[in-house]
Protein backbone atom coordinates (compact mmCIF):
# COMPACT_ATOMS: atom_id res chain seq x y z
CA MET A 1 11.11 29.76 -5.82
CA LYS A 2 12.70 30.80 -2.60
CA ARG A 3 10.35 31.89 -0.07
CA ARG A 4 10.94 35.11 1.48
CA SER A 5 9.59 36.28 4.81
CA PRO A 6 7.35 39.54 4.76
CA VAL A 7 9.74 41.37 6.62
CA LYS A 8 12.67 41.07 3.98
CA ILE A 9 10.21 41.87 1.46
CA LEU A 10 8.93 45.20 3.24
CA LYS A 11 12.89 45.94 3.65
CA ASN A 12 13.37 45.44 0.14
CA VAL A 13 10.30 47.83 -0.75
CA LEU A 14 11.59 50.59 1.78
CA PHE A 15 15.12 50.31 0.22
CA LEU A 16 13.23 50.77 -3.21
CA PHE A 17 11.47 53.68 -1.70
CA LEU A 18 14.63 55.46 -0.03
CA VAL A 19 16.62 54.97 -3.44
CA THR A 20 13.62 56.59 -5.66
CA SER A 21 13.22 59.35 -2.94
CA SER A 22 16.90 60.15 -3.01
CA GLY A 23 16.51 60.50 -6.49
CA VAL A 24 13.83 62.78 -6.62
CA LEU A 25 15.41 64.99 -3.91
CA VAL A 26 18.49 65.37 -5.92
CA LEU A 27 16.52 66.21 -9.10
CA THR A 28 14.85 68.71 -6.74
CA LEU A 29 18.04 70.01 -5.54
CA PHE A 30 19.38 70.68 -9.32
CA LYS A 31 15.94 72.24 -10.13
CA ARG A 32 14.85 69.67 -12.83
CA VAL A 33 11.75 68.73 -10.61
CA SER A 34 9.74 71.30 -8.73
CA ILE A 35 9.02 71.55 -4.75
CA TYR A 36 5.35 70.84 -5.51
CA GLY A 37 6.32 67.72 -8.04
CA CYS A 38 8.65 66.41 -5.26
CA THR A 39 6.28 66.88 -2.66
CA SER A 40 3.44 65.15 -4.88
CA ILE A 41 5.60 62.17 -5.83
CA LEU A 42 6.99 61.67 -2.18
CA LEU A 43 3.06 61.60 -1.04
CA ALA A 44 2.15 59.21 -3.51
CA SER A 45 4.88 57.00 -2.50
CA LEU A 46 4.37 56.98 1.26
CA PHE A 47 0.72 56.27 0.51
CA ALA A 48 1.21 53.38 -1.74
CA ILE A 49 3.86 52.08 0.76
CA LEU A 50 1.42 52.80 3.71
CA ASN A 51 -1.14 50.55 2.05
CA PHE A 52 1.53 47.71 1.49
CA ILE A 53 2.27 47.64 5.10
CA VAL A 54 -1.38 47.32 6.08
CA PHE A 55 -1.38 44.43 3.50
CA ILE A 56 1.37 42.77 5.43
CA LEU A 57 0.05 43.17 8.83
CA LEU A 58 -3.54 41.91 8.06
CA SER A 59 -2.31 38.87 6.12
CA GLY A 60 0.26 38.14 8.95
CA PHE A 61 -2.36 38.39 11.39
CA SER A 62 -5.03 36.18 9.23
CA SER A 63 -2.63 33.65 7.80
CA ALA A 64 -2.83 31.25 10.81
CA LYS A 65 -6.56 31.46 11.04
CA SER A 66 -9.25 29.42 9.32
CA ASN A 67 -10.36 29.99 5.97
CA GLN A 68 -13.32 32.06 6.60
CA ILE A 69 -11.49 34.29 8.88
CA PHE A 70 -8.62 34.38 6.49
CA LEU A 71 -11.04 35.30 3.70
CA PHE A 72 -12.93 37.67 5.95
CA TRP A 73 -9.91 39.69 7.00
CA SER A 74 -8.32 39.61 3.31
CA LEU A 75 -11.42 40.86 1.62
CA GLY A 76 -12.52 43.22 4.43
CA GLY A 77 -8.88 44.23 4.52
CA ALA A 78 -8.92 44.90 0.90
CA PHE A 79 -12.03 47.15 1.66
CA ILE A 80 -10.46 49.15 4.39
CA ARG A 81 -6.99 49.65 2.46
CA LEU A 82 -9.26 50.90 -0.63
CA PHE A 83 -11.19 53.33 1.59
CA MET A 84 -8.10 54.60 3.32
CA ILE A 85 -6.25 55.20 -0.02
CA LEU A 86 -9.66 56.91 -1.49
CA VAL A 87 -9.75 59.17 1.68
CA LEU A 88 -5.83 59.88 1.56
CA ILE A 89 -5.64 60.60 -1.93
CA PHE A 90 -9.07 62.92 -1.79
CA VAL A 91 -7.54 65.23 0.99
CA SER A 92 -4.10 65.25 -0.86
CA ILE A 93 -5.85 66.58 -3.79
CA LYS A 94 -8.43 68.98 -2.42
CA PHE A 95 -6.63 70.34 0.44
CA LEU A 96 -2.86 70.05 -0.27
CA LYS A 97 -0.98 72.03 -3.01
CA VAL A 98 0.35 68.84 -5.29
CA ASP A 99 0.95 68.44 -8.55
CA LEU A 100 -2.04 66.48 -9.81
CA VAL A 101 -0.15 64.54 -12.78
CA ALA A 102 3.13 63.59 -10.86
CA PHE A 103 0.73 62.54 -7.74
CA ILE A 104 -1.55 60.29 -9.62
CA PHE A 105 1.26 58.87 -12.06
CA THR A 106 3.64 58.34 -9.17
CA PHE A 107 0.76 56.55 -7.00
CA PHE A 108 -0.23 54.52 -9.86
CA ILE A 109 3.33 53.54 -10.69
CA TRP A 110 3.82 52.16 -6.86
CA TYR A 111 0.33 50.85 -6.43
CA VAL A 112 0.77 48.56 -9.52
CA VAL A 113 4.24 47.46 -8.57
CA LEU A 114 3.25 47.11 -4.78
CA LEU A 115 0.20 44.93 -6.27
CA ILE A 116 2.38 42.71 -7.88
CA PHE A 117 4.48 42.04 -4.43
CA GLU A 118 1.18 41.27 -3.08
CA ILE A 119 0.00 38.78 -5.37
CA SER A 120 3.46 37.01 -5.60
CA MET A 121 3.50 36.86 -1.55
CA ILE A 122 0.22 35.18 -1.59
CA HIS A 123 0.73 33.01 -4.61
CA PHE A 124 4.23 31.60 -3.46
CA GLY A 125 3.00 31.03 0.12
CA THR A 126 4.96 33.68 1.95
CA VAL A 127 1.72 34.76 3.22
CA GLY A 128 -0.30 31.55 2.82
CA SER A 129 -0.15 28.36 5.22
CA LYS A 130 3.02 26.21 5.95
CA SER A 131 5.09 29.39 5.82
CA LYS A 132 7.18 31.41 8.31
CA ILE A 133 5.77 34.70 9.26
CA PHE A 134 7.37 37.01 11.38
CA GLY A 135 9.27 34.27 12.67
CA LYS A 136 6.56 31.69 13.72
CA HIS A 137 5.88 28.53 11.78
CA VAL A 138 2.30 28.36 10.67
CA LEU A 139 0.75 25.15 10.01
């Protein structure tokens, strides 16, 4: 399988987000989705993509390091990202007026899709050793 840089993968994810967001906005314009539903869908999508961006930054930082440091940043980064998502979801549900079903369903879909991207990036070596990360060759 051809290796792709994290920046290209991020561009593809952001393009997918723009396409789905514009679709949701069009549905809102034609009154097929409520304003609360639109806000919920966009917020959940942004939270999942923010989680993915943090993954790319942390994995890009830790990939050139030793195995111990890589595991520390990978596992510690997963804990930090999980805590960040937990806080964002709690604040959104508790204090913002969001459609709960649309928010949770959208977040779940985006999270699973982006988790597949994360696993494939690690498995196929986009983030691992001997790959190009942000224009540098990592040994």
